Amino acid sequence: MNRLAARLCVAAVACSVAVLRLGAPARAGDLPAFELDVVRPIGAVWNEYANPGEDYPQSFGATLRANASDDAFSLEYRRNVYLTQSAGPDSLTRYATLTGGYATIAPFLARDMELEGRAMRRVHGPLAVGVGVLTTWTNYGYPPLTGAGIGIARLPQWTGHVALTGSAFYYPAATGSNGVARATFGVLKSDVGARFRPSGWHAYFVGGYENEIRSGHHLPGGVRTIRSDPHVGLGMRT
């Protein structure tokens, strides 16, 4: 699992950096004032409850972006819904606990939710740096996490009918408690994507890939999360 996490981390960051470097420098008018993306994740979640937990139709993502001159702001909501059968059909769910050891429960439909806000400043063309705040919560007995981080992003500069995007943000200490145990995770989020807009349309098509790796600090080795989410959807710009 550690080797898989490391490989996914390297691949995701490499893809993000590659996309960030694409394209000519942006002009002030290239970024619309507001954008809204609504997407359907079609990936999977690996954690102590599922390996993997493939996204169910209830999985959902939405991102609102606002741009003003060289400043950009975004608010993203993500929900992953998956079955926790970790050893195939009709199996029980055996998972690593935060306090050490393992427990076994009946499979259930897990819901992992998160809300992330970012404030960014363009430093060169479409390239921006910024800060973020992340909070996560679930429908099972897992601590909600909250943390602050920093990152880089390629803002969605439109070149004709296409806009490319990408980002990498790191939250070194997302922390929370469920009343029984306290946990701290380092969270690395990265994404790459593209948008296509037919001539004259304010709506556009969205496709991309988002990756998230949560690594526990001073927690049992089996406690970690990897979210691997290709996604497709629609967007609207002003």
Protein backbone atom coordinates (compact mmCIF):
# COMPACT_ATOMS: atom_id res chain seq x y z
CA MET A 1 0.00 0.00 0.00
CA ASN A 2 2.84 2.42 0.82
CA ARG A 3 4.48 1.63 -2.53
CA LEU A 4 1.17 2.19 -4.34
CA ALA A 5 0.65 5.49 -2.54
CA ALA A 6 4.15 6.67 -3.44
CA ARG A 7 3.71 5.78 -7.11
CA LEU A 8 0.34 7.46 -7.34
CA CYS A 9 1.70 10.53 -5.57
CA VAL A 10 4.65 10.87 -7.97
CA ALA A 11 2.46 10.29 -11.04
CA ALA A 12 -0.20 12.76 -9.92
CA VAL A 13 2.27 15.53 -9.12
CA ALA A 14 4.16 14.94 -12.37
CA CYS A 15 0.94 15.20 -14.38
CA SER A 16 -0.07 18.36 -12.55
CA VAL A 17 3.29 20.03 -13.14
CA ALA A 18 3.18 19.09 -16.83
CA VAL A 19 -0.25 20.65 -17.28
CA LEU A 20 0.73 23.74 -15.29
CA ARG A 21 3.51 24.42 -17.77
CA LEU A 22 1.33 24.16 -20.88
CA GLY A 23 -0.02 27.13 -22.79
CA ALA A 24 0.92 30.73 -23.54
CA PRO A 25 0.83 33.46 -20.91
CA ALA A 26 -2.71 34.55 -20.04
CA ARG A 27 -4.22 37.97 -20.55
CA ALA A 28 -6.39 39.59 -17.90
CA GLY A 29 -9.56 38.99 -19.92
CA ASP A 30 -8.95 35.27 -20.43
CA LEU A 31 -10.47 34.25 -17.08
CA PRO A 32 -14.27 34.53 -16.74
CA ALA A 33 -15.68 36.22 -13.65
CA PHE A 34 -17.50 33.08 -12.48
CA GLU A 35 -17.46 29.38 -13.35
CA LEU A 36 -19.38 26.41 -12.00
CA ASP A 37 -18.38 22.79 -12.70
CA VAL A 38 -20.58 19.81 -11.82
CA VAL A 39 -18.91 16.42 -12.26
CA ARG A 40 -19.50 12.71 -11.71
CA PRO A 41 -16.49 10.87 -10.19
CA ILE A 42 -15.97 7.45 -11.81
CA GLY A 43 -12.96 6.30 -9.80
CA ALA A 44 -12.38 4.49 -6.52
CA VAL A 45 -11.27 4.89 -2.91
CA TRP A 46 -8.63 2.80 -1.12
CA ASN A 47 -8.63 2.98 2.65
CA GLU A 48 -8.86 0.73 5.71
CA TYR A 49 -12.50 -0.01 4.83
CA ALA A 50 -12.31 -0.62 1.07
CA ASN A 51 -9.72 -1.89 -1.39
CA PRO A 52 -10.90 -0.54 -3.70
CA GLY A 53 -14.30 1.01 -3.10
CA GLU A 54 -15.60 1.86 -6.56
CA ASP A 55 -17.66 5.05 -6.90
CA TYR A 56 -21.41 4.56 -6.84
CA PRO A 57 -23.80 6.80 -8.84
CA GLN A 58 -24.35 8.98 -5.74
CA SER A 59 -20.75 10.21 -5.99
CA PHE A 60 -20.73 13.89 -6.90
CA GLY A 61 -18.49 16.93 -7.24
CA ALA A 62 -19.09 20.66 -7.69
CA THR A 63 -16.62 23.55 -7.93
CA LEU A 64 -17.41 27.28 -7.95
CA ARG A 65 -14.66 29.64 -9.13
CA ALA A 66 -14.44 33.43 -9.06
CA ASN A 67 -11.75 35.51 -10.75
CA ALA A 68 -10.91 39.18 -10.26
CA SER A 69 -7.89 40.57 -12.10
CA ASP A 70 -4.95 38.53 -10.80
CA ASP A 71 -6.83 36.99 -7.86
CA ALA A 72 -8.72 33.70 -8.07
CA PHE A 73 -10.94 31.95 -5.53
CA SER A 74 -12.54 28.51 -5.56
CA LEU A 75 -14.83 26.38 -3.41
CA GLU A 76 -15.04 22.64 -4.12
CA TYR A 77 -17.37 20.02 -2.67
CA ARG A 78 -16.64 16.34 -3.22
CA ARG A 79 -18.61 13.25 -2.20
CA ASN A 80 -17.45 9.68 -2.77
CA VAL A 81 -19.95 6.87 -2.16
CA TYR A 82 -18.75 3.26 -2.20
CA LEU A 83 -19.40 -0.18 -0.71
CA THR A 84 -16.91 -1.26 1.96
CA GLN A 85 -16.60 -4.93 0.92
CA SER A 86 -12.81 -5.26 0.91
CA ALA A 87 -12.49 -8.94 -0.03
CA GLY A 88 -15.12 -9.38 -2.72
CA PRO A 89 -18.87 -10.11 -2.76
CA ASP A 90 -20.48 -11.40 0.46
CA SER A 91 -17.35 -10.68 2.50
CA LEU A 92 -17.24 -8.82 5.79
CA THR A 93 -15.38 -5.53 6.18
CA ARG A 94 -12.19 -5.91 8.20
CA TYR A 95 -10.47 -2.61 8.92
CA ALA A 96 -7.55 -1.15 10.85
CA THR A 97 -8.62 1.03 13.80
CA LEU A 98 -7.08 4.36 14.73
CA THR A 99 -5.96 3.00 18.09
CA GLY A 100 -4.29 -0.12 16.67
CA GLY A 101 -5.49 -3.60 15.83
CA TYR A 102 -8.35 -4.62 13.58
CA ALA A 103 -12.14 -4.90 13.77
CA THR A 104 -14.75 -6.60 11.56
CA ILE A 105 -18.21 -5.26 10.67
CA ALA A 106 -20.90 -5.89 8.09
CA PRO A 107 -20.37 -4.07 4.77
CA PHE A 108 -22.05 -0.68 4.46
CA LEU A 109 -22.36 2.14 1.93
CA ALA A 110 -19.65 4.62 2.94
CA ARG A 111 -19.86 8.33 2.21
CA ASP A 112 -16.69 10.42 2.31
CA MET A 113 -17.27 14.16 1.93
CA GLU A 114 -14.93 17.14 1.80
CA LEU A 115 -15.08 20.89 1.29
CA GLU A 116 -12.04 22.84 0.12
CA GLY A 117 -11.63 26.60 -0.30
CA ARG A 118 -8.69 28.18 -2.10
CA ALA A 119 -7.43 31.76 -2.52
CA MET A 120 -4.81 32.17 -5.26
CA ARG A 121 -2.73 34.87 -6.90
CA ARG A 122 -1.45 34.75 -10.46
CA VAL A 123 2.33 35.02 -10.61
CA HIS A 124 3.02 34.31 -14.30
CA GLY A 125 0.48 33.84 -17.08
CA PRO A 126 -2.05 31.24 -15.92
CA LEU A 127 0.27 30.01 -13.15
CA ALA A 128 -0.92 30.86 -9.62
CA VAL A 129 0.12 30.15 -6.05
CA GLY A 130 -2.18 30.17 -3.08
CA VAL A 131 -3.45 28.90 0.23
CA GLY A 132 -6.27 26.49 0.98
CA VAL A 133 -8.49 25.29 3.81
CA LEU A 134 -9.77 21.70 3.80
CA THR A 135 -12.40 19.98 5.92
CA THR A 136 -13.56 16.36 5.61
CA TRP A 137 -16.29 14.23 7.21
CA THR A 138 -17.90 10.81 6.77
CA ASN A 139 -21.09 8.88 7.58
CA TYR A 140 -19.15 6.43 9.79
CA GLY A 141 -17.07 6.74 12.95
CA TYR A 142 -14.08 8.43 11.40
CA PRO A 143 -12.77 11.78 12.74
CA PRO A 144 -13.66 14.87 10.71
CA LEU A 145 -10.44 16.56 9.60
CA THR A 146 -9.61 20.25 9.19
CA GLY A 147 -6.36 21.77 7.98
CA ALA A 148 -4.67 24.58 6.05
CA GLY A 149 -2.23 24.19 3.18
CA ILE A 150 -0.43 25.75 0.22
CA GLY A 151 -0.16 24.92 -3.45
CA ILE A 152 0.17 25.87 -7.10
CA ALA A 153 -2.40 25.86 -9.88
CA ARG A 154 -2.81 26.44 -13.59
CA LEU A 155 -5.91 28.59 -13.87
CA PRO A 156 -8.36 27.73 -16.69
CA GLN A 157 -7.19 30.11 -19.40
CA TRP A 158 -9.34 29.64 -22.50
CA THR A 159 -7.48 29.29 -25.80
CA GLY A 160 -10.13 29.07 -28.47
CA HIS A 161 -12.48 26.22 -27.53
CA VAL A 162 -10.20 24.57 -24.95
CA ALA A 163 -9.03 25.35 -21.42
CA LEU A 164 -6.49 23.30 -19.49
CA THR A 165 -6.33 23.15 -15.69
CA GLY A 166 -4.13 21.58 -13.04
CA SER A 167 -3.12 21.98 -9.42
CA ALA A 168 -1.21 20.46 -6.52
CA PHE A 169 -2.00 21.44 -2.90
CA TYR A 170 -0.54 20.01 0.28
CA TYR A 171 -2.11 20.09 3.75
CA PRO A 172 0.60 19.02 6.23
CA ALA A 173 -1.57 18.60 9.33
CA ALA A 174 -5.30 18.00 8.82
CA THR A 175 -6.50 17.12 12.32
CA GLY A 176 -9.70 15.92 13.97
CA SER A 177 -11.23 13.86 16.78
CA ASN A 178 -14.23 11.55 17.04
CA GLY A 179 -14.35 11.66 20.84
CA VAL A 180 -12.44 8.39 21.16
CA ALA A 181 -9.33 8.97 19.09
CA ARG A 182 -7.53 11.97 17.65
CA ALA A 183 -5.88 11.75 14.24
CA THR A 184 -3.63 13.93 12.08
CA PHE A 185 -3.07 13.38 8.37
CA GLY A 186 -0.90 14.91 5.71
CA VAL A 187 -3.11 15.40 2.65
CA LEU A 188 -1.80 15.80 -0.90
CA LYS A 189 -4.38 16.77 -3.54
CA SER A 190 -3.58 17.05 -7.24
CA ASP A 191 -5.63 17.24 -10.42
CA VAL A 192 -5.42 17.71 -14.16
CA GLY A 193 -8.26 18.49 -16.50
CA ALA A 194 -9.51 19.93 -19.77
CA ARG A 195 -12.63 21.75 -20.87
CA PHE A 196 -14.20 22.02 -24.30
CA ARG A 197 -16.61 24.78 -25.27
CA PRO A 198 -18.43 24.86 -28.63
CA SER A 199 -18.49 28.24 -30.39
CA GLY A 200 -20.64 30.82 -28.67
CA TRP A 201 -21.59 28.58 -25.73
CA HIS A 202 -21.42 29.66 -22.09
CA ALA A 203 -21.61 25.96 -21.16
CA TYR A 204 -18.71 23.56 -21.61
CA PHE A 205 -17.78 19.89 -21.17
CA VAL A 206 -15.40 18.86 -18.38
CA GLY A 207 -13.06 15.88 -18.11
CA GLY A 208 -10.14 15.21 -15.82
CA TYR A 209 -8.50 13.29 -13.03
CA GLU A 210 -8.21 14.12 -9.33
CA ASN A 211 -6.00 12.28 -6.87
CA GLU A 212 -5.85 12.57 -3.09
CA ILE A 213 -3.50 10.82 -0.68
CA ARG A 214 -4.00 11.03 3.10
CA SER A 215 -1.10 9.72 5.17
CA GLY A 216 -1.53 9.38 8.92
CA HIS A 217 0.95 10.88 11.39
CA HIS A 218 1.87 8.45 14.20
CA LEU A 219 -1.05 6.17 13.33
CA PRO A 220 -1.17 2.41 12.63
CA GLY A 221 0.23 1.54 9.22
CA GLY A 222 -3.14 0.38 7.87
CA VAL A 223 -4.78 3.78 8.39
CA ARG A 224 -4.55 5.82 5.21
CA THR A 225 -6.71 6.90 2.25
CA ILE A 226 -6.10 7.13 -1.48
CA ARG A 227 -8.80 8.63 -3.67
CA SER A 228 -8.34 8.11 -7.42
CA ASP A 229 -11.06 9.95 -9.34
CA PRO A 230 -11.37 10.31 -13.08
CA HIS A 231 -14.42 12.49 -13.66
CA VAL A 232 -16.67 13.88 -16.37
CA GLY A 233 -19.26 16.60 -16.24
CA LEU A 234 -20.58 19.95 -17.38
CA GLY A 235 -19.69 23.55 -16.56
CA MET A 236 -21.05 27.06 -16.99
CA ARG A 237 -19.15 30.34 -17.27
CA THR A 238 -20.17 33.99 -17.34
